[in-house]
All heavy atoms as atom14 arrays in JSON, in Angstrom:
{
  "sequence": "QRAWYMHAGNVVLNLGVTLLFGAFHHWNTGILSGVGGAVIGEAIIY",
  "atom14_mask": [
    [1, 1, 1, 1, 1, 1, 1, 1, 1, 0, 0, 0, 0, 0],
    [1, 1, 1, 1, 1, 1, 1, 1, 1, 1, 1, 0, 0, 0],
    [1, 1, 1, 1, 1, 0, 0, 0, 0, 0, 0, 0, 0, 0],
    [1, 1, 1, 1, 1, 1, 1, 1, 1, 1, 1, 1, 1, 1],
    [1, 1, 1, 1, 1, 1, 1, 1, 1, 1, 1, 1, 0, 0],
    [1, 1, 1, 1, 1, 1, 1, 1, 0, 0, 0, 0, 0, 0],
    [1, 1, 1, 1, 1, 1, 1, 1, 1, 1, 0, 0, 0, 0],
    [1, 1, 1, 1, 1, 0, 0, 0, 0, 0, 0, 0, 0, 0],
    [1, 1, 1, 1, 0, 0, 0, 0, 0, 0, 0, 0, 0, 0],
    [1, 1, 1, 1, 1, 1, 1, 1, 0, 0, 0, 0, 0, 0],
    [1, 1, 1, 1, 1, 1, 1, 0, 0, 0, 0, 0, 0, 0],
    [1, 1, 1, 1, 1, 1, 1, 0, 0, 0, 0, 0, 0, 0],
    [1, 1, 1, 1, 1, 1, 1, 1, 0, 0, 0, 0, 0, 0],
    [1, 1, 1, 1, 1, 1, 1, 1, 0, 0, 0, 0, 0, 0],
    [1, 1, 1, 1, 1, 1, 1, 1, 0, 0, 0, 0, 0, 0],
    [1, 1, 1, 1, 0, 0, 0, 0, 0, 0, 0, 0, 0, 0],
    [1, 1, 1, 1, 1, 1, 1, 0, 0, 0, 0, 0, 0, 0],
    [1, 1, 1, 1, 1, 1, 1, 0, 0, 0, 0, 0, 0, 0],
    [1, 1, 1, 1, 1, 1, 1, 1, 0, 0, 0, 0, 0, 0],
    [1, 1, 1, 1, 1, 1, 1, 1, 0, 0, 0, 0, 0, 0],
    [1, 1, 1, 1, 1, 1, 1, 1, 1, 1, 1, 0, 0, 0],
    [1, 1, 1, 1, 0, 0, 0, 0, 0, 0, 0, 0, 0, 0],
    [1, 1, 1, 1, 1, 0, 0, 0, 0, 0, 0, 0, 0, 0],
    [1, 1, 1, 1, 1, 1, 1, 1, 1, 1, 1, 0, 0, 0],
    [1, 1, 1, 1, 1, 1, 1, 1, 1, 1, 0, 0, 0, 0],
    [1, 1, 1, 1, 1, 1, 1, 1, 1, 1, 0, 0, 0, 0],
    [1, 1, 1, 1, 1, 1, 1, 1, 1, 1, 1, 1, 1, 1],
    [1, 1, 1, 1, 1, 1, 1, 1, 0, 0, 0, 0, 0, 0],
    [1, 1, 1, 1, 1, 1, 1, 0, 0, 0, 0, 0, 0, 0],
    [1, 1, 1, 1, 0, 0, 0, 0, 0, 0, 0, 0, 0, 0],
    [1, 1, 1, 1, 1, 1, 1, 1, 0, 0, 0, 0, 0, 0],
    [1, 1, 1, 1, 1, 1, 1, 1, 0, 0, 0, 0, 0, 0],
    [1, 1, 1, 1, 1, 1, 0, 0, 0, 0, 0, 0, 0, 0],
    [1, 1, 1, 1, 0, 0, 0, 0, 0, 0, 0, 0, 0, 0],
    [1, 1, 1, 1, 1, 1, 1, 0, 0, 0, 0, 0, 0, 0],
    [1, 1, 1, 1, 0, 0, 0, 0, 0, 0, 0, 0, 0, 0],
    [1, 1, 1, 1, 0, 0, 0, 0, 0, 0, 0, 0, 0, 0],
    [1, 1, 1, 1, 1, 0, 0, 0, 0, 0, 0, 0, 0, 0],
    [1, 1, 1, 1, 1, 1, 1, 0, 0, 0, 0, 0, 0, 0],
    [1, 1, 1, 1, 1, 1, 1, 1, 0, 0, 0, 0, 0, 0],
    [1, 1, 1, 1, 0, 0, 0, 0, 0, 0, 0, 0, 0, 0],
    [1, 1, 1, 1, 1, 1, 1, 1, 1, 0, 0, 0, 0, 0],
    [1, 1, 1, 1, 1, 0, 0, 0, 0, 0, 0, 0, 0, 0],
    [1, 1, 1, 1, 1, 1, 1, 1, 0, 0, 0, 0, 0, 0],
    [1, 1, 1, 1, 1, 1, 1, 1, 0, 0, 0, 0, 0, 0],
    [1, 1, 1, 1, 1, 1, 1, 1, 1, 1, 1, 1, 0, 0]
  ],
  "atom14_positions": [
    [[-10.38, -5.76, -14.16], [-9.17, -5.95, -13.35], [-8.16, -4.82, -13.56], [-7.25, -4.65, -12.75], [-8.52, -7.29, -13.68], [-9.26, -8.49, -13.11], [-9.36, -8.4, -11.6], [-10.45, -8.24, -11.06], [-8.25, -8.51, -10.89], [0.0, 0.0, 0.0], [0.0, 0.0, 0.0], [0.0, 0.0, 0.0], [0.0, 0.0, 0.0], [0.0, 0.0, 0.0]],
    [[-8.3, -4.07, -14.64], [-7.41, -2.93, -14.9], [-8.11, -1.6, -14.64], [-7.57, -0.54, -14.95], [-6.93, -2.98, -16.36], [-6.05, -4.19, -16.7], [-4.62, -3.97, -16.26], [-3.78, -5.12, -16.6], [-3.09, -5.23, -17.73], [-3.18, -4.28, -18.65], [-2.33, -6.28, -17.94], [0.0, 0.0, 0.0], [0.0, 0.0, 0.0], [0.0, 0.0, 0.0]],
    [[-9.32, -1.64, -14.11], [-10.1, -0.42, -13.9], [-9.47, 0.46, -12.81], [-8.7, -0.01, -11.97], [-11.54, -0.77, -13.52], [0.0, 0.0, 0.0], [0.0, 0.0, 0.0], [0.0, 0.0, 0.0], [0.0, 0.0, 0.0], [0.0, 0.0, 0.0], [0.0, 0.0, 0.0], [0.0, 0.0, 0.0], [0.0, 0.0, 0.0], [0.0, 0.0, 0.0]],
    [[-9.86, 1.72, -12.79], [-9.27, 2.69, -11.86], [-9.47, 2.28, -10.41], [-8.6, 2.52, -9.55], [-9.87, 4.07, -12.1], [-11.34, 4.16, -11.77], [-12.4, 3.96, -12.58], [-11.89, 4.48, -10.47], [-13.59, 4.12, -11.91], [-13.3, 4.44, -10.61], [-11.34, 4.78, -9.22], [-14.16, 4.69, -9.54], [-12.19, 5.02, -8.15], [-13.58, 4.99, -8.32]],
    [[-10.62, 1.68, -10.1], [-10.89, 1.34, -8.71], [-10.01, 0.23, -8.19], [-9.81, 0.1, -6.96], [-12.37, 1.0, -8.5], [-12.96, 0.02, -9.49], [-12.75, -1.35, -9.36], [-13.73, 0.47, -10.56], [-13.3, -2.25, -10.26], [-14.28, -0.43, -11.46], [-14.07, -1.77, -11.31], [-14.61, -2.66, -12.21], [0.0, 0.0, 0.0], [0.0, 0.0, 0.0]],
    [[-9.46, -0.6, -9.07], [-8.51, -1.61, -8.62], [-7.21, -0.95, -8.17], [-6.63, -1.32, -7.13], [-8.23, -2.61, -9.75], [-9.44, -3.43, -10.16], [-10.09, -4.47, -8.82], [-8.73, -5.63, -8.6], [0.0, 0.0, 0.0], [0.0, 0.0, 0.0], [0.0, 0.0, 0.0], [0.0, 0.0, 0.0], [0.0, 0.0, 0.0], [0.0, 0.0, 0.0]],
    [[-6.76, 0.04, -8.92], [-5.55, 0.78, -8.54], [-5.8, 1.6, -7.27], [-4.94, 1.66, -6.38], [-5.12, 1.7, -9.69], [-4.88, 0.98, -10.97], [-3.77, 0.18, -11.18], [-5.62, 0.9, -12.11], [-3.82, -0.34, -12.4], [-4.93, 0.09, -12.98], [0.0, 0.0, 0.0], [0.0, 0.0, 0.0], [0.0, 0.0, 0.0], [0.0, 0.0, 0.0]],
    [[-6.98, 2.22, -7.19], [-7.32, 2.99, -6.0], [-7.37, 2.1, -4.76], [-6.88, 2.46, -3.69], [-8.66, 3.71, -6.19], [0.0, 0.0, 0.0], [0.0, 0.0, 0.0], [0.0, 0.0, 0.0], [0.0, 0.0, 0.0], [0.0, 0.0, 0.0], [0.0, 0.0, 0.0], [0.0, 0.0, 0.0], [0.0, 0.0, 0.0], [0.0, 0.0, 0.0]],
    [[-7.97, 0.91, -4.91], [-8.04, -0.03, -3.8], [-6.66, -0.47, -3.34], [-6.42, -0.63, -2.13], [0.0, 0.0, 0.0], [0.0, 0.0, 0.0], [0.0, 0.0, 0.0], [0.0, 0.0, 0.0], [0.0, 0.0, 0.0], [0.0, 0.0, 0.0], [0.0, 0.0, 0.0], [0.0, 0.0, 0.0], [0.0, 0.0, 0.0], [0.0, 0.0, 0.0]],
    [[-5.77, -0.66, -4.29], [-4.41, -1.05, -3.97], [-3.72, 0.04, -3.15], [-3.05, -0.24, -2.14], [-3.63, -1.31, -5.27], [-2.17, -1.61, -5.03], [-1.8, -2.39, -4.15], [-1.31, -0.97, -5.82], [0.0, 0.0, 0.0], [0.0, 0.0, 0.0], [0.0, 0.0, 0.0], [0.0, 0.0, 0.0], [0.0, 0.0, 0.0], [0.0, 0.0, 0.0]],
    [[-3.89, 1.29, -3.54], [-3.26, 2.41, -2.83], [-3.85, 2.55, -1.42], [-3.12, 2.7, -0.44], [-3.44, 3.72, -3.62], [-2.97, 4.91, -2.78], [-2.66, 3.66, -4.92], [0.0, 0.0, 0.0], [0.0, 0.0, 0.0], [0.0, 0.0, 0.0], [0.0, 0.0, 0.0], [0.0, 0.0, 0.0], [0.0, 0.0, 0.0], [0.0, 0.0, 0.0]],
    [[-5.18, 2.46, -1.32], [-5.84, 2.61, -0.02], [-5.41, 1.49, 0.93], [-5.14, 1.73, 2.13], [-7.37, 2.62, -0.19], [-8.07, 2.5, 1.16], [-7.81, 3.89, -0.91], [0.0, 0.0, 0.0], [0.0, 0.0, 0.0], [0.0, 0.0, 0.0], [0.0, 0.0, 0.0], [0.0, 0.0, 0.0], [0.0, 0.0, 0.0], [0.0, 0.0, 0.0]],
    [[-5.34, 0.25, 0.42], [-4.94, -0.88, 1.25], [-3.54, -0.68, 1.82], [-3.3, -0.88, 3.02], [-4.99, -2.17, 0.43], [-4.49, -3.44, 1.14], [-5.35, -3.76, 2.35], [-4.47, -4.62, 0.17], [0.0, 0.0, 0.0], [0.0, 0.0, 0.0], [0.0, 0.0, 0.0], [0.0, 0.0, 0.0], [0.0, 0.0, 0.0], [0.0, 0.0, 0.0]],
    [[-2.62, -0.25, 0.99], [-1.24, -0.09, 1.44], [-1.04, 1.18, 2.26], [-0.12, 1.24, 3.09], [-0.3, -0.13, 0.24], [-0.14, -1.53, -0.31], [0.54, -2.36, 0.28], [-0.8, -1.82, -1.43], [0.0, 0.0, 0.0], [0.0, 0.0, 0.0], [0.0, 0.0, 0.0], [0.0, 0.0, 0.0], [0.0, 0.0, 0.0], [0.0, 0.0, 0.0]],
    [[-1.9, 2.17, 2.07], [-1.9, 3.32, 2.98], [-2.31, 2.86, 4.37], [-1.75, 3.31, 5.38], [-2.85, 4.39, 2.46], [-3.0, 5.65, 3.33], [-1.65, 6.35, 3.49], [-4.03, 6.59, 2.73], [0.0, 0.0, 0.0], [0.0, 0.0, 0.0], [0.0, 0.0, 0.0], [0.0, 0.0, 0.0], [0.0, 0.0, 0.0], [0.0, 0.0, 0.0]],
    [[-3.27, 1.94, 4.41], [-3.67, 1.37, 5.7], [-2.53, 0.64, 6.38], [-2.39, 0.7, 7.62], [0.0, 0.0, 0.0], [0.0, 0.0, 0.0], [0.0, 0.0, 0.0], [0.0, 0.0, 0.0], [0.0, 0.0, 0.0], [0.0, 0.0, 0.0], [0.0, 0.0, 0.0], [0.0, 0.0, 0.0], [0.0, 0.0, 0.0], [0.0, 0.0, 0.0]],
    [[-1.71, -0.06, 5.59], [-0.55, -0.76, 6.16], [0.41, 0.26, 6.78], [0.93, 0.05, 7.9], [0.16, -1.58, 5.07], [1.5, -2.11, 5.58], [-0.72, -2.75, 4.62], [0.0, 0.0, 0.0], [0.0, 0.0, 0.0], [0.0, 0.0, 0.0], [0.0, 0.0, 0.0], [0.0, 0.0, 0.0], [0.0, 0.0, 0.0], [0.0, 0.0, 0.0]],
    [[0.65, 1.35, 6.08], [1.54, 2.39, 6.6], [1.01, 2.95, 7.92], [1.77, 3.13, 8.89], [1.69, 3.54, 5.58], [2.28, 3.02, 4.39], [2.56, 4.65, 6.12], [0.0, 0.0, 0.0], [0.0, 0.0, 0.0], [0.0, 0.0, 0.0], [0.0, 0.0, 0.0], [0.0, 0.0, 0.0], [0.0, 0.0, 0.0], [0.0, 0.0, 0.0]],
    [[-0.27, 3.24, 7.97], [-0.87, 3.79, 9.18], [-0.85, 2.79, 10.33], [-0.71, 3.17, 11.5], [-2.31, 4.22, 8.89], [-2.47, 5.38, 7.89], [-3.94, 5.65, 7.62], [-1.78, 6.64, 8.42], [0.0, 0.0, 0.0], [0.0, 0.0, 0.0], [0.0, 0.0, 0.0], [0.0, 0.0, 0.0], [0.0, 0.0, 0.0], [0.0, 0.0, 0.0]],
    [[-0.97, 1.49, 9.99], [-0.92, 0.46, 11.02], [0.44, 0.44, 11.7], [0.55, 0.38, 12.93], [-1.24, -0.9, 10.41], [-1.25, -2.1, 11.37], [-2.29, -1.91, 12.48], [-1.53, -3.4, 10.6], [0.0, 0.0, 0.0], [0.0, 0.0, 0.0], [0.0, 0.0, 0.0], [0.0, 0.0, 0.0], [0.0, 0.0, 0.0], [0.0, 0.0, 0.0]],
    [[1.5, 0.5, 10.89], [2.84, 0.56, 11.47], [3.02, 1.88, 12.24], [3.69, 1.91, 13.28], [3.9, 0.45, 10.37], [4.22, -0.95, 9.96], [3.64, -1.53, 8.84], [5.11, -1.72, 10.7], [3.94, -2.82, 8.46], [5.42, -3.03, 10.33], [4.83, -3.58, 9.21], [0.0, 0.0, 0.0], [0.0, 0.0, 0.0], [0.0, 0.0, 0.0]],
    [[2.43, 2.94, 11.68], [2.55, 4.23, 12.36], [1.91, 4.23, 13.73], [2.36, 4.94, 14.64], [0.0, 0.0, 0.0], [0.0, 0.0, 0.0], [0.0, 0.0, 0.0], [0.0, 0.0, 0.0], [0.0, 0.0, 0.0], [0.0, 0.0, 0.0], [0.0, 0.0, 0.0], [0.0, 0.0, 0.0], [0.0, 0.0, 0.0], [0.0, 0.0, 0.0]],
    [[0.87, 3.43, 13.9], [0.21, 3.34, 15.2], [1.15, 2.78, 16.26], [0.98, 3.03, 17.46], [-1.04, 2.46, 15.09], [0.0, 0.0, 0.0], [0.0, 0.0, 0.0], [0.0, 0.0, 0.0], [0.0, 0.0, 0.0], [0.0, 0.0, 0.0], [0.0, 0.0, 0.0], [0.0, 0.0, 0.0], [0.0, 0.0, 0.0], [0.0, 0.0, 0.0]],
    [[2.17, 2.03, 15.81], [3.19, 1.5, 16.72], [4.46, 2.34, 16.68], [5.5, 1.92, 17.18], [3.51, 0.04, 16.36], [2.38, -0.91, 16.6], [1.48, -1.23, 15.58], [2.2, -1.5, 17.84], [0.44, -2.12, 15.79], [1.16, -2.4, 18.07], [0.27, -2.69, 17.04], [0.0, 0.0, 0.0], [0.0, 0.0, 0.0], [0.0, 0.0, 0.0]],
    [[4.36, 3.51, 16.06], [5.49, 4.45, 15.94], [6.65, 3.87, 15.14], [7.81, 4.21, 15.39], [5.97, 4.88, 17.35], [4.87, 5.42, 18.21], [4.24, 6.62, 17.97], [4.26, 4.89, 19.32], [3.3, 6.83, 18.88], [3.29, 5.79, 19.72], [0.0, 0.0, 0.0], [0.0, 0.0, 0.0], [0.0, 0.0, 0.0], [0.0, 0.0, 0.0]],
    [[6.33, 3.04, 14.17], [7.33, 2.5, 13.26], [7.05, 3.06, 11.85], [6.74, 2.31, 10.92], [7.3, 0.97, 13.26], [7.98, 0.34, 14.44], [8.97, -0.6, 14.33], [7.82, 0.55, 15.78], [9.38, -0.98, 15.54], [8.68, -0.28, 16.43], [0.0, 0.0, 0.0], [0.0, 0.0, 0.0], [0.0, 0.0, 0.0], [0.0, 0.0, 0.0]],
    [[7.16, 4.37, 11.74], [6.79, 5.03, 10.49], [7.72, 4.65, 9.34], [7.27, 4.51, 8.2], [6.77, 6.54, 10.68], [5.56, 7.01, 11.43], [5.5, 7.42, 12.74], [4.23, 7.09, 10.92], [4.22, 7.75, 13.09], [3.41, 7.56, 11.99], [3.64, 6.81, 9.69], [2.04, 7.77, 11.86], [2.27, 7.02, 9.56], [1.49, 7.49, 10.62]],
    [[9.01, 4.54, 9.61], [9.94, 4.2, 8.52], [9.59, 2.84, 7.91], [9.53, 2.7, 6.68], [11.38, 4.18, 9.03], [11.91, 5.58, 9.35], [11.39, 6.57, 8.82], [12.92, 5.67, 10.2], [0.0, 0.0, 0.0], [0.0, 0.0, 0.0], [0.0, 0.0, 0.0], [0.0, 0.0, 0.0], [0.0, 0.0, 0.0], [0.0, 0.0, 0.0]],
    [[9.37, 1.85, 8.77], [8.98, 0.53, 8.27], [7.63, 0.61, 7.58], [7.4, -0.03, 6.55], [8.91, -0.48, 9.43], [10.17, -0.52, 10.09], [8.56, -1.87, 8.91], [0.0, 0.0, 0.0], [0.0, 0.0, 0.0], [0.0, 0.0, 0.0], [0.0, 0.0, 0.0], [0.0, 0.0, 0.0], [0.0, 0.0, 0.0], [0.0, 0.0, 0.0]],
    [[6.73, 1.41, 8.14], [5.4, 1.54, 7.56], [5.44, 2.14, 6.17], [4.73, 1.67, 5.25], [0.0, 0.0, 0.0], [0.0, 0.0, 0.0], [0.0, 0.0, 0.0], [0.0, 0.0, 0.0], [0.0, 0.0, 0.0], [0.0, 0.0, 0.0], [0.0, 0.0, 0.0], [0.0, 0.0, 0.0], [0.0, 0.0, 0.0], [0.0, 0.0, 0.0]],
    [[6.25, 3.17, 6.0], [6.35, 3.81, 4.68], [6.96, 2.85, 3.67], [6.48, 2.71, 2.53], [7.17, 5.11, 4.77], [6.38, 6.16, 5.57], [7.5, 5.64, 3.38], [7.18, 7.4, 5.91], [0.0, 0.0, 0.0], [0.0, 0.0, 0.0], [0.0, 0.0, 0.0], [0.0, 0.0, 0.0], [0.0, 0.0, 0.0], [0.0, 0.0, 0.0]],
    [[8.03, 2.16, 4.08], [8.67, 1.19, 3.17], [7.69, 0.07, 2.8], [7.6, -0.34, 1.64], [9.92, 0.61, 3.82], [11.12, 1.55, 3.95], [12.23, 0.89, 4.75], [11.63, 1.95, 2.56], [0.0, 0.0, 0.0], [0.0, 0.0, 0.0], [0.0, 0.0, 0.0], [0.0, 0.0, 0.0], [0.0, 0.0, 0.0], [0.0, 0.0, 0.0]],
    [[6.95, -0.41, 3.81], [6.0, -1.5, 3.55], [4.86, -1.02, 2.67], [4.41, -1.73, 1.76], [5.43, -2.03, 4.88], [6.45, -2.6, 5.67], [0.0, 0.0, 0.0], [0.0, 0.0, 0.0], [0.0, 0.0, 0.0], [0.0, 0.0, 0.0], [0.0, 0.0, 0.0], [0.0, 0.0, 0.0], [0.0, 0.0, 0.0], [0.0, 0.0, 0.0]],
    [[4.37, 0.19, 2.92], [3.26, 0.73, 2.13], [3.64, 0.96, 0.68], [2.91, 0.57, -0.24], [0.0, 0.0, 0.0], [0.0, 0.0, 0.0], [0.0, 0.0, 0.0], [0.0, 0.0, 0.0], [0.0, 0.0, 0.0], [0.0, 0.0, 0.0], [0.0, 0.0, 0.0], [0.0, 0.0, 0.0], [0.0, 0.0, 0.0], [0.0, 0.0, 0.0]],
    [[4.79, 1.6, 0.48], [5.23, 1.86, -0.89], [5.56, 0.56, -1.6], [5.16, 0.35, -2.75], [6.46, 2.8, -0.88], [7.06, 2.92, -2.29], [6.08, 4.18, -0.36], [0.0, 0.0, 0.0], [0.0, 0.0, 0.0], [0.0, 0.0, 0.0], [0.0, 0.0, 0.0], [0.0, 0.0, 0.0], [0.0, 0.0, 0.0], [0.0, 0.0, 0.0]],
    [[6.29, -0.33, -0.91], [6.63, -1.61, -1.52], [5.4, -2.44, -1.84], [5.3, -3.04, -2.92], [0.0, 0.0, 0.0], [0.0, 0.0, 0.0], [0.0, 0.0, 0.0], [0.0, 0.0, 0.0], [0.0, 0.0, 0.0], [0.0, 0.0, 0.0], [0.0, 0.0, 0.0], [0.0, 0.0, 0.0], [0.0, 0.0, 0.0], [0.0, 0.0, 0.0]],
    [[4.44, -2.43, -0.93], [3.2, -3.17, -1.17], [2.41, -2.61, -2.34], [1.83, -3.37, -3.13], [0.0, 0.0, 0.0], [0.0, 0.0, 0.0], [0.0, 0.0, 0.0], [0.0, 0.0, 0.0], [0.0, 0.0, 0.0], [0.0, 0.0, 0.0], [0.0, 0.0, 0.0], [0.0, 0.0, 0.0], [0.0, 0.0, 0.0], [0.0, 0.0, 0.0]],
    [[2.38, -1.28, -2.47], [1.67, -0.66, -3.59], [2.32, -1.02, -4.92], [1.64, -1.29, -5.92], [1.62, 0.85, -3.4], [0.0, 0.0, 0.0], [0.0, 0.0, 0.0], [0.0, 0.0, 0.0], [0.0, 0.0, 0.0], [0.0, 0.0, 0.0], [0.0, 0.0, 0.0], [0.0, 0.0, 0.0], [0.0, 0.0, 0.0], [0.0, 0.0, 0.0]],
    [[3.65, -1.01, -4.95], [4.37, -1.37, -6.17], [4.09, -2.83, -6.55], [3.82, -3.15, -7.72], [5.89, -1.14, -6.0], [6.66, -1.73, -7.18], [6.18, 0.35, -5.87], [0.0, 0.0, 0.0], [0.0, 0.0, 0.0], [0.0, 0.0, 0.0], [0.0, 0.0, 0.0], [0.0, 0.0, 0.0], [0.0, 0.0, 0.0], [0.0, 0.0, 0.0]],
    [[4.13, -3.71, -5.55], [3.85, -5.12, -5.83], [2.4, -5.3, -6.26], [2.1, -6.09, -7.18], [4.15, -5.97, -4.57], [5.65, -5.98, -4.3], [3.63, -7.4, -4.75], [6.04, -6.63, -2.99], [0.0, 0.0, 0.0], [0.0, 0.0, 0.0], [0.0, 0.0, 0.0], [0.0, 0.0, 0.0], [0.0, 0.0, 0.0], [0.0, 0.0, 0.0]],
    [[1.5, -4.57, -5.64], [0.09, -4.64, -6.03], [-0.12, -4.24, -7.48], [-0.89, -4.89, -8.22], [0.0, 0.0, 0.0], [0.0, 0.0, 0.0], [0.0, 0.0, 0.0], [0.0, 0.0, 0.0], [0.0, 0.0, 0.0], [0.0, 0.0, 0.0], [0.0, 0.0, 0.0], [0.0, 0.0, 0.0], [0.0, 0.0, 0.0], [0.0, 0.0, 0.0]],
    [[0.56, -3.19, -7.91], [0.46, -2.77, -9.31], [1.06, -3.82, -10.24], [0.55, -4.06, -11.34], [1.16, -1.42, -9.51], [0.44, -0.25, -8.87], [-0.96, -0.06, -9.44], [-1.08, 0.21, -10.65], [-1.93, -0.19, -8.66], [0.0, 0.0, 0.0], [0.0, 0.0, 0.0], [0.0, 0.0, 0.0], [0.0, 0.0, 0.0], [0.0, 0.0, 0.0]],
    [[2.15, -4.44, -9.78], [2.77, -5.5, -10.59], [1.81, -6.68, -10.76], [1.72, -7.28, -11.84], [4.07, -5.97, -9.93], [0.0, 0.0, 0.0], [0.0, 0.0, 0.0], [0.0, 0.0, 0.0], [0.0, 0.0, 0.0], [0.0, 0.0, 0.0], [0.0, 0.0, 0.0], [0.0, 0.0, 0.0], [0.0, 0.0, 0.0], [0.0, 0.0, 0.0]],
    [[1.09, -7.01, -9.69], [0.11, -8.1, -9.77], [-0.99, -7.73, -10.76], [-1.39, -8.55, -11.61], [-0.49, -8.38, -8.38], [0.57, -8.99, -7.46], [-1.69, -9.33, -8.49], [0.13, -9.18, -6.02], [0.0, 0.0, 0.0], [0.0, 0.0, 0.0], [0.0, 0.0, 0.0], [0.0, 0.0, 0.0], [0.0, 0.0, 0.0], [0.0, 0.0, 0.0]],
    [[-1.48, -6.5, -10.68], [-2.56, -6.06, -11.58], [-2.11, -6.09, -13.03], [-2.81, -6.63, -13.9], [-3.03, -4.64, -11.18], [-3.75, -4.67, -9.83], [-3.96, -4.06, -12.26], [-4.07, -3.29, -9.27], [0.0, 0.0, 0.0], [0.0, 0.0, 0.0], [0.0, 0.0, 0.0], [0.0, 0.0, 0.0], [0.0, 0.0, 0.0], [0.0, 0.0, 0.0]],
    [[-0.93, -5.54, -13.31], [-0.5, -5.4, -14.7], [0.08, -6.67, -15.3], [0.23, -6.77, -16.52], [0.51, -4.25, -14.82], [-0.14, -2.9, -14.9], [-0.08, -2.02, -13.83], [-0.84, -2.51, -16.03], [-0.69, -0.77, -13.88], [-1.45, -1.27, -16.11], [-1.38, -0.41, -15.04], [-2.0, 0.82, -15.1], [0.0, 0.0, 0.0], [0.0, 0.0, 0.0]]
  ]
}
């Protein structure tokens, strides 16, 4: 649960969230959601 691939998966998942918002031209919301989601994901892991 603390392995590198868990952290990598968390980053990739939230990068996908950013790109999803970007597809609707809401990049600011996408970046905030992606960064916030990645931070929360790391908090869940740790």
